[in-house]
Every structure is written in C-alpha cells, then in structure tokens.
C-alpha cells in the first residue's frame, strides 16, 4: 500500500502547465514541520514536491498561492532521468489524489500572496439560492 497524508504550507506559487495532449498538471512544494526540535531547540521542516493532475491541477493552480496551508492525500512516486550532462537524477514526489485548502484565501497563516481569481463568497452563493417546493419530495 502506498498512501500518505501531509499538512503543510506552500513554499512557492504553484506552476500550472499542460501536457502536449492537453492534460493539466500542477506542481508545487509544501513545507511540513517535524514533530520534534533539533539540538538548538528549533523545529525543522521537510520540503516535499507535490504534483496534481486534470481538474485538481486546475483548481490548485487557480486558488493556491505561496504560504497557503493545505492537506494532501496521495501516493509517493519515485522516478529517474538523465540530465543534460548525462548524469542520472532521482526525483521523489507525492502524486496528490485530494487537496484540501485550509485557512483563508490570503495565503493562510504565513500571509502569502493572494490570487486575484477568488471563489464567490458564501453570502453571494446563498443569495442566489431559490426556495424549493417540498410537497413533492419523498421524505
């Protein structure tokens, strides 16, 4: 079984791209704090690369920004390639199946940059609701 759950803050703005066949892919990295302090009493963090695909990639590219706190559920993937000098490079990343946006849209607790494309506010969404005649409902 290959499953991981991570909670952390984006270390940079996400990069949204498309494959040659038109499939959306979004890359970003998050900093995940360790549960313990080092010898100097400081808490260290691990920096983990995340990759998302298709609709999830489009949402991440549109609504996430540096500093935003996210919860990631996915699987760990390793791959290798040869760089331009012929050296073998290894990459470990998390392929996200689910990304939960935590905190406010203003970059979360770290105060990162805010995206211009914001989802509609809850007040606007509820004002567009219309009453439903419930006489015909089966419950």
N, C-alpha and C. Protein backbone atom coordinates (compact mmCIF):
# COMPACT_ATOMS: atom_id res chain seq x y z
N UNK A 1 0.85 -1.18 0.00
CA UNK A 1 0.00 0.00 0.00
C UNK A 1 0.89 1.23 0.00
N UNK A 2 0.53 2.23 -0.79
CA UNK A 2 1.29 3.46 -0.92
C UNK A 2 0.33 4.62 -0.71
N UNK A 3 0.28 5.16 0.50
CA UNK A 3 -0.64 6.23 0.85
C UNK A 3 0.04 7.16 1.83
N UNK A 4 -0.07 8.47 1.60
CA UNK A 4 0.48 9.43 2.56
C UNK A 4 -0.49 10.59 2.74
N UNK A 5 -0.45 11.16 3.94
CA UNK A 5 -1.26 12.33 4.28
C UNK A 5 -0.30 13.37 4.84
N UNK A 6 -0.34 14.57 4.28
CA UNK A 6 0.56 15.64 4.68
C UNK A 6 -0.22 16.92 4.90
N UNK A 7 0.22 17.72 5.86
CA UNK A 7 -0.32 19.05 6.07
C UNK A 7 0.86 20.00 6.14
N UNK A 8 0.82 21.03 5.29
CA UNK A 8 1.91 21.99 5.27
C UNK A 8 1.54 23.24 4.51
N UNK A 9 2.52 24.13 4.37
CA UNK A 9 2.32 25.41 3.69
C UNK A 9 3.10 25.43 2.38
N UNK A 10 2.48 25.99 1.33
CA UNK A 10 3.15 26.11 0.05
C UNK A 10 4.40 26.97 0.18
N UNK A 11 5.50 26.51 -0.39
CA UNK A 11 6.75 27.25 -0.33
C UNK A 11 6.94 28.17 -1.53
N UNK A 12 6.09 28.01 -2.54
CA UNK A 12 6.13 28.84 -3.74
C UNK A 12 4.77 28.78 -4.41
N UNK A 13 4.52 29.70 -5.30
CA UNK A 13 3.26 29.66 -6.06
C UNK A 13 3.25 28.41 -6.94
N UNK A 14 2.08 27.80 -7.13
CA UNK A 14 2.01 26.61 -7.98
C UNK A 14 2.26 26.94 -9.44
N UNK A 15 2.78 25.94 -10.18
CA UNK A 15 3.03 26.08 -11.61
C UNK A 15 2.04 25.19 -12.35
N UNK A 16 1.11 25.80 -13.07
CA UNK A 16 0.11 25.07 -13.82
C UNK A 16 0.55 25.01 -15.28
N UNK A 17 0.61 23.79 -15.83
CA UNK A 17 1.02 23.57 -17.22
C UNK A 17 0.07 22.57 -17.86
N UNK A 18 0.27 22.35 -19.13
CA UNK A 18 -0.49 21.32 -19.84
C UNK A 18 0.48 20.42 -20.60
N UNK A 19 0.16 19.13 -20.63
CA UNK A 19 0.95 18.20 -21.40
C UNK A 19 0.68 18.45 -22.89
N UNK A 20 1.50 17.91 -23.79
CA UNK A 20 1.24 18.09 -25.22
C UNK A 20 -0.15 17.60 -25.65
N UNK A 21 -0.71 16.65 -24.90
CA UNK A 21 -2.06 16.16 -25.25
C UNK A 21 -3.16 16.97 -24.56
N UNK A 22 -2.79 18.05 -23.84
CA UNK A 22 -3.79 18.94 -23.26
C UNK A 22 -4.24 18.62 -21.84
N UNK A 23 -3.55 17.71 -21.16
CA UNK A 23 -3.91 17.36 -19.78
C UNK A 23 -3.24 18.35 -18.83
N UNK A 24 -4.02 18.93 -17.91
CA UNK A 24 -3.49 19.89 -16.94
C UNK A 24 -2.67 19.18 -15.88
N UNK A 25 -1.54 19.79 -15.52
CA UNK A 25 -0.68 19.28 -14.45
C UNK A 25 -0.18 20.48 -13.66
N UNK A 26 -0.21 20.36 -12.33
CA UNK A 26 0.21 21.46 -11.47
C UNK A 26 1.27 20.94 -10.49
N UNK A 27 2.37 21.67 -10.36
CA UNK A 27 3.45 21.32 -9.45
C UNK A 27 3.60 22.42 -8.41
N UNK A 28 3.82 22.01 -7.17
CA UNK A 28 4.16 22.94 -6.10
C UNK A 28 4.86 22.16 -5.00
N UNK A 29 5.40 22.85 -4.04
CA UNK A 29 6.04 22.17 -2.91
C UNK A 29 5.46 22.73 -1.62
N UNK A 30 5.48 21.88 -0.59
CA UNK A 30 5.00 22.31 0.72
C UNK A 30 6.08 22.05 1.76
N UNK A 31 6.06 22.86 2.80
CA UNK A 31 6.93 22.67 3.96
C UNK A 31 6.10 22.01 5.05
N UNK A 32 6.56 20.86 5.53
CA UNK A 32 5.86 20.11 6.57
C UNK A 32 6.75 20.12 7.81
N UNK A 33 6.26 20.70 8.90
CA UNK A 33 7.04 20.77 10.13
C UNK A 33 7.21 19.40 10.76
N UNK A 34 8.40 19.15 11.29
CA UNK A 34 8.65 17.92 12.02
C UNK A 34 8.08 18.03 13.43
N UNK A 35 7.83 16.90 14.05
CA UNK A 35 7.20 16.88 15.38
C UNK A 35 8.18 17.13 16.52
N UNK A 36 9.43 17.31 16.24
CA UNK A 36 10.43 17.47 17.29
C UNK A 36 11.37 18.61 16.94
N UNK A 37 12.11 19.07 17.94
CA UNK A 37 13.08 20.15 17.74
C UNK A 37 14.47 19.58 17.60
N UNK A 38 15.35 20.30 16.91
CA UNK A 38 16.74 19.86 16.77
C UNK A 38 17.52 20.23 18.04
N UNK A 39 18.83 20.03 18.01
CA UNK A 39 19.68 20.28 19.19
C UNK A 39 19.66 21.74 19.62
N UNK A 40 19.35 22.65 18.70
CA UNK A 40 19.29 24.08 19.04
C UNK A 40 17.90 24.52 19.48
N UNK A 41 16.96 23.57 19.60
CA UNK A 41 15.61 23.89 20.02
C UNK A 41 14.73 24.41 18.90
N UNK A 42 15.18 24.31 17.65
CA UNK A 42 14.41 24.79 16.51
C UNK A 42 13.68 23.64 15.85
N UNK A 43 12.46 23.90 15.39
CA UNK A 43 11.72 22.88 14.65
C UNK A 43 12.10 22.97 13.19
N UNK A 44 12.49 21.86 12.63
CA UNK A 44 12.86 21.80 11.22
C UNK A 44 11.66 21.39 10.40
N UNK A 45 11.80 21.56 9.10
CA UNK A 45 10.71 21.20 8.18
C UNK A 45 11.28 20.39 7.02
N UNK A 46 10.43 19.56 6.46
CA UNK A 46 10.77 18.84 5.24
C UNK A 46 10.05 19.53 4.09
N UNK A 47 10.71 19.63 2.95
CA UNK A 47 10.15 20.29 1.78
C UNK A 47 9.81 19.20 0.76
N UNK A 48 8.52 19.07 0.46
CA UNK A 48 8.03 17.95 -0.32
C UNK A 48 7.38 18.45 -1.60
N UNK A 49 7.79 17.86 -2.72
CA UNK A 49 7.23 18.21 -4.03
C UNK A 49 5.90 17.49 -4.22
N UNK A 50 4.91 18.24 -4.73
CA UNK A 50 3.56 17.73 -4.96
C UNK A 50 3.23 17.90 -6.44
N UNK A 51 2.54 16.91 -7.00
CA UNK A 51 2.06 17.01 -8.38
C UNK A 51 0.58 16.64 -8.40
N UNK A 52 -0.22 17.43 -9.11
CA UNK A 52 -1.65 17.16 -9.27
C UNK A 52 -1.98 17.13 -10.75
N UNK A 53 -3.08 16.45 -11.09
CA UNK A 53 -3.47 16.27 -12.48
C UNK A 53 -4.90 16.70 -12.73
N UNK A 54 -5.20 17.05 -13.97
CA UNK A 54 -6.52 17.33 -14.52
C UNK A 54 -7.26 18.43 -13.75
N UNK A 55 -8.50 18.19 -13.34
CA UNK A 55 -9.31 19.21 -12.68
C UNK A 55 -8.71 19.66 -11.36
N UNK A 56 -8.14 18.72 -10.62
CA UNK A 56 -7.50 19.08 -9.35
C UNK A 56 -6.32 20.01 -9.60
N UNK A 57 -5.58 19.76 -10.66
CA UNK A 57 -4.46 20.64 -11.02
C UNK A 57 -4.95 22.04 -11.35
N UNK A 58 -6.05 22.14 -12.09
CA UNK A 58 -6.59 23.45 -12.44
C UNK A 58 -7.04 24.22 -11.21
N UNK A 59 -7.69 23.54 -10.26
CA UNK A 59 -8.12 24.19 -9.02
C UNK A 59 -6.93 24.64 -8.18
N UNK A 60 -5.92 23.81 -8.09
CA UNK A 60 -4.73 24.18 -7.32
C UNK A 60 -4.03 25.39 -7.95
N UNK A 61 -3.90 25.37 -9.26
CA UNK A 61 -3.27 26.48 -9.95
C UNK A 61 -4.04 27.78 -9.82
N UNK A 62 -5.35 27.67 -9.73
CA UNK A 62 -6.20 28.85 -9.67
C UNK A 62 -6.31 29.44 -8.27
N UNK A 63 -6.41 28.58 -7.24
CA UNK A 63 -6.74 29.06 -5.90
C UNK A 63 -5.62 29.01 -4.88
N UNK A 64 -4.51 28.35 -5.18
CA UNK A 64 -3.42 28.27 -4.20
C UNK A 64 -2.37 29.34 -4.47
N UNK A 65 -1.64 29.69 -3.42
CA UNK A 65 -0.55 30.65 -3.53
C UNK A 65 0.46 30.35 -2.43
N UNK A 66 1.64 30.88 -2.59
CA UNK A 66 2.71 30.70 -1.60
C UNK A 66 2.19 31.05 -0.21
N UNK A 67 2.49 30.19 0.76
CA UNK A 67 2.08 30.42 2.15
C UNK A 67 0.78 29.76 2.53
N UNK A 68 -0.04 29.39 1.57
CA UNK A 68 -1.34 28.78 1.84
C UNK A 68 -1.17 27.41 2.47
N UNK A 69 -1.93 27.12 3.51
CA UNK A 69 -1.89 25.82 4.17
C UNK A 69 -2.82 24.86 3.45
N UNK A 70 -2.31 23.63 3.21
CA UNK A 70 -3.07 22.60 2.52
C UNK A 70 -2.89 21.26 3.23
N UNK A 71 -3.88 20.40 3.04
CA UNK A 71 -3.78 19.00 3.44
C UNK A 71 -3.77 18.19 2.15
N UNK A 72 -2.83 17.29 2.05
CA UNK A 72 -2.64 16.49 0.84
C UNK A 72 -2.83 15.02 1.18
N UNK A 73 -3.57 14.33 0.34
CA UNK A 73 -3.69 12.87 0.45
C UNK A 73 -3.27 12.33 -0.92
N UNK A 74 -2.29 11.42 -0.92
CA UNK A 74 -1.82 10.90 -2.19
C UNK A 74 -0.88 9.74 -2.02
N UNK A 75 -0.07 9.51 -3.04
CA UNK A 75 0.89 8.41 -3.01
C UNK A 75 2.28 8.92 -3.39
N UNK A 76 3.30 8.26 -2.87
CA UNK A 76 4.67 8.64 -3.15
C UNK A 76 5.11 7.99 -4.45
N UNK A 77 5.76 8.79 -5.29
CA UNK A 77 6.24 8.31 -6.58
C UNK A 77 7.72 8.65 -6.71
N UNK A 78 8.50 7.71 -7.20
CA UNK A 78 9.91 7.98 -7.49
C UNK A 78 10.14 7.74 -8.97
N UNK A 79 11.03 8.53 -9.54
CA UNK A 79 11.37 8.37 -10.96
C UNK A 79 12.80 8.87 -11.15
N UNK A 80 13.37 8.54 -12.27
CA UNK A 80 14.73 9.00 -12.57
C UNK A 80 14.79 9.45 -14.02
N UNK A 81 15.78 10.28 -14.31
CA UNK A 81 16.01 10.76 -15.67
C UNK A 81 17.48 11.14 -15.80
N UNK A 82 17.94 11.30 -17.02
CA UNK A 82 19.31 11.75 -17.28
C UNK A 82 19.27 13.23 -17.60
N UNK A 83 20.07 14.02 -16.88
CA UNK A 83 20.11 15.46 -17.13
C UNK A 83 20.91 15.76 -18.40
N UNK A 84 21.06 17.03 -18.73
CA UNK A 84 21.71 17.42 -19.98
C UNK A 84 23.18 17.02 -20.02
N UNK A 85 23.80 16.80 -18.84
CA UNK A 85 25.20 16.37 -18.78
C UNK A 85 25.34 14.86 -18.73
N UNK A 86 24.22 14.14 -18.82
CA UNK A 86 24.26 12.69 -18.80
C UNK A 86 24.26 12.07 -17.42
N UNK A 87 24.09 12.89 -16.37
CA UNK A 87 24.05 12.38 -15.00
C UNK A 87 22.65 11.87 -14.67
N UNK A 88 22.59 10.77 -13.98
CA UNK A 88 21.31 10.18 -13.57
C UNK A 88 20.79 10.97 -12.37
N UNK A 89 19.55 11.49 -12.47
CA UNK A 89 18.89 12.25 -11.40
C UNK A 89 17.68 11.47 -10.91
N UNK A 90 17.44 11.52 -9.61
CA UNK A 90 16.30 10.83 -9.00
C UNK A 90 15.37 11.86 -8.38
N UNK A 91 14.08 11.64 -8.54
CA UNK A 91 13.06 12.56 -8.03
C UNK A 91 12.06 11.75 -7.20
N UNK A 92 11.73 12.28 -6.04
CA UNK A 92 10.66 11.71 -5.21
C UNK A 92 9.62 12.80 -5.03
N UNK A 93 8.36 12.47 -5.28
CA UNK A 93 7.29 13.44 -5.17
C UNK A 93 6.01 12.74 -4.75
N UNK A 94 5.04 13.52 -4.32
CA UNK A 94 3.74 12.99 -3.94
C UNK A 94 2.74 13.32 -5.04
N UNK A 95 2.10 12.29 -5.57
CA UNK A 95 1.03 12.49 -6.54
C UNK A 95 -0.26 12.62 -5.74
N UNK A 96 -0.80 13.83 -5.69
CA UNK A 96 -1.96 14.11 -4.84
C UNK A 96 -3.25 13.61 -5.49
N UNK A 97 -4.04 12.91 -4.71
CA UNK A 97 -5.37 12.48 -5.13
C UNK A 97 -6.43 13.44 -4.61
N UNK A 98 -6.10 14.09 -3.49
CA UNK A 98 -7.03 15.02 -2.86
C UNK A 98 -6.22 16.14 -2.22
N UNK A 99 -6.65 17.38 -2.41
CA UNK A 99 -6.01 18.55 -1.80
C UNK A 99 -7.09 19.36 -1.12
N UNK A 100 -6.96 19.52 0.18
CA UNK A 100 -7.90 20.34 0.95
C UNK A 100 -7.25 21.69 1.20
N UNK A 101 -7.93 22.76 0.84
CA UNK A 101 -7.43 24.11 1.08
C UNK A 101 -7.80 24.49 2.52
N UNK A 102 -6.81 24.76 3.35
CA UNK A 102 -7.02 25.05 4.76
C UNK A 102 -6.76 26.52 5.01
N UNK A 103 -7.52 27.13 5.87
CA UNK A 103 -7.31 28.53 6.21
C UNK A 103 -7.90 29.44 5.16
N UNK A 104 -7.64 30.73 5.32
CA UNK A 104 -8.20 31.74 4.42
C UNK A 104 -7.51 31.75 3.08
N UNK A 105 -8.10 32.48 2.15
CA UNK A 105 -7.54 32.59 0.81
C UNK A 105 -6.42 33.58 0.70
N UNK A 106 -6.01 34.18 1.82
CA UNK A 106 -4.97 35.20 1.78
C UNK A 106 -3.59 34.62 2.06
N UNK A 107 -3.39 33.35 1.75
CA UNK A 107 -2.07 32.77 1.98
C UNK A 107 -1.99 32.03 3.28
N UNK A 108 -3.10 31.83 3.97
CA UNK A 108 -3.08 31.07 5.22
C UNK A 108 -2.36 31.81 6.31
N UNK A 109 -1.74 31.07 7.21
CA UNK A 109 -1.10 31.65 8.37
C UNK A 109 0.18 32.39 8.03
N UNK A 110 0.79 32.09 6.89
CA UNK A 110 2.06 32.71 6.55
C UNK A 110 1.91 34.01 5.79
N UNK A 111 0.69 34.37 5.42
CA UNK A 111 0.45 35.64 4.74
C UNK A 111 1.05 35.72 3.36
N UNK A 112 0.92 34.70 2.55
CA UNK A 112 1.45 34.70 1.20
C UNK A 112 0.61 35.57 0.27
N UNK A 113 0.99 35.59 -0.96
CA UNK A 113 0.29 36.41 -1.95
C UNK A 113 -1.11 35.88 -2.19
N UNK A 114 -2.04 36.78 -2.41
CA UNK A 114 -3.42 36.40 -2.66
C UNK A 114 -3.68 36.38 -4.16
N UNK A 115 -4.37 35.37 -4.62
CA UNK A 115 -4.72 35.27 -6.03
C UNK A 115 -5.87 36.21 -6.35
N UNK A 116 -5.90 36.71 -7.57
CA UNK A 116 -6.99 37.57 -7.99
C UNK A 116 -8.26 36.78 -8.26
N UNK A 117 -8.13 35.54 -8.76
CA UNK A 117 -9.29 34.71 -9.07
C UNK A 117 -9.78 34.04 -7.80
N UNK A 118 -10.72 34.68 -7.11
CA UNK A 118 -11.23 34.12 -5.86
C UNK A 118 -12.58 33.48 -6.11
N UNK A 119 -12.90 32.40 -5.35
CA UNK A 119 -14.23 31.82 -5.48
C UNK A 119 -15.26 32.80 -4.94
N UNK A 120 -16.50 32.63 -5.33
CA UNK A 120 -17.57 33.51 -4.86
C UNK A 120 -17.71 33.40 -3.35
N UNK A 121 -18.06 34.51 -2.71
CA UNK A 121 -18.21 34.49 -1.26
C UNK A 121 -19.46 33.70 -0.88
N UNK A 122 -19.47 33.10 0.36
CA UNK A 122 -20.64 32.33 0.78
C UNK A 122 -21.93 33.15 0.76
N UNK A 123 -21.85 34.45 1.09
CA UNK A 123 -23.05 35.29 1.08
C UNK A 123 -23.63 35.39 -0.33
N UNK A 124 -22.74 35.55 -1.33
CA UNK A 124 -23.21 35.65 -2.71
C UNK A 124 -23.84 34.32 -3.15
N UNK A 125 -23.21 33.21 -2.78
CA UNK A 125 -23.75 31.91 -3.17
C UNK A 125 -25.13 31.66 -2.56
N UNK A 126 -25.31 31.99 -1.28
CA UNK A 126 -26.60 31.75 -0.64
C UNK A 126 -27.66 32.71 -1.12
N UNK A 127 -27.27 33.92 -1.55
CA UNK A 127 -28.27 34.86 -2.06
C UNK A 127 -28.84 34.41 -3.40
N UNK A 128 -28.12 33.54 -4.11
CA UNK A 128 -28.59 33.05 -5.40
C UNK A 128 -29.50 31.83 -5.27
N UNK A 129 -29.63 31.30 -4.05
CA UNK A 129 -30.48 30.13 -3.83
C UNK A 129 -31.96 30.53 -3.92
N UNK A 130 -32.75 29.63 -4.44
CA UNK A 130 -34.18 29.87 -4.56
C UNK A 130 -34.90 28.80 -3.74
N UNK A 131 -36.03 29.15 -3.14
CA UNK A 131 -36.76 28.17 -2.34
C UNK A 131 -37.25 27.00 -3.18
N UNK A 132 -37.30 25.83 -2.56
CA UNK A 132 -37.75 24.62 -3.23
C UNK A 132 -39.10 24.23 -2.65
N UNK A 133 -40.02 23.88 -3.51
CA UNK A 133 -41.33 23.40 -3.07
C UNK A 133 -41.14 21.97 -2.58
N UNK A 134 -41.32 21.75 -1.27
CA UNK A 134 -41.01 20.45 -0.73
C UNK A 134 -42.20 19.48 -0.65
N UNK A 135 -43.35 19.84 -1.19
CA UNK A 135 -44.50 18.96 -1.15
C UNK A 135 -44.28 17.69 -1.99
N UNK A 136 -43.46 17.78 -3.03
CA UNK A 136 -43.25 16.63 -3.91
C UNK A 136 -42.05 15.78 -3.51
N UNK A 137 -41.34 16.12 -2.43
CA UNK A 137 -40.17 15.34 -2.02
C UNK A 137 -40.61 14.06 -1.32
N UNK A 138 -39.90 12.95 -1.55
CA UNK A 138 -40.32 11.67 -0.99
C UNK A 138 -39.96 11.46 0.47
N UNK A 139 -39.44 12.42 1.15
CA UNK A 139 -39.07 12.24 2.57
C UNK A 139 -39.61 13.35 3.41
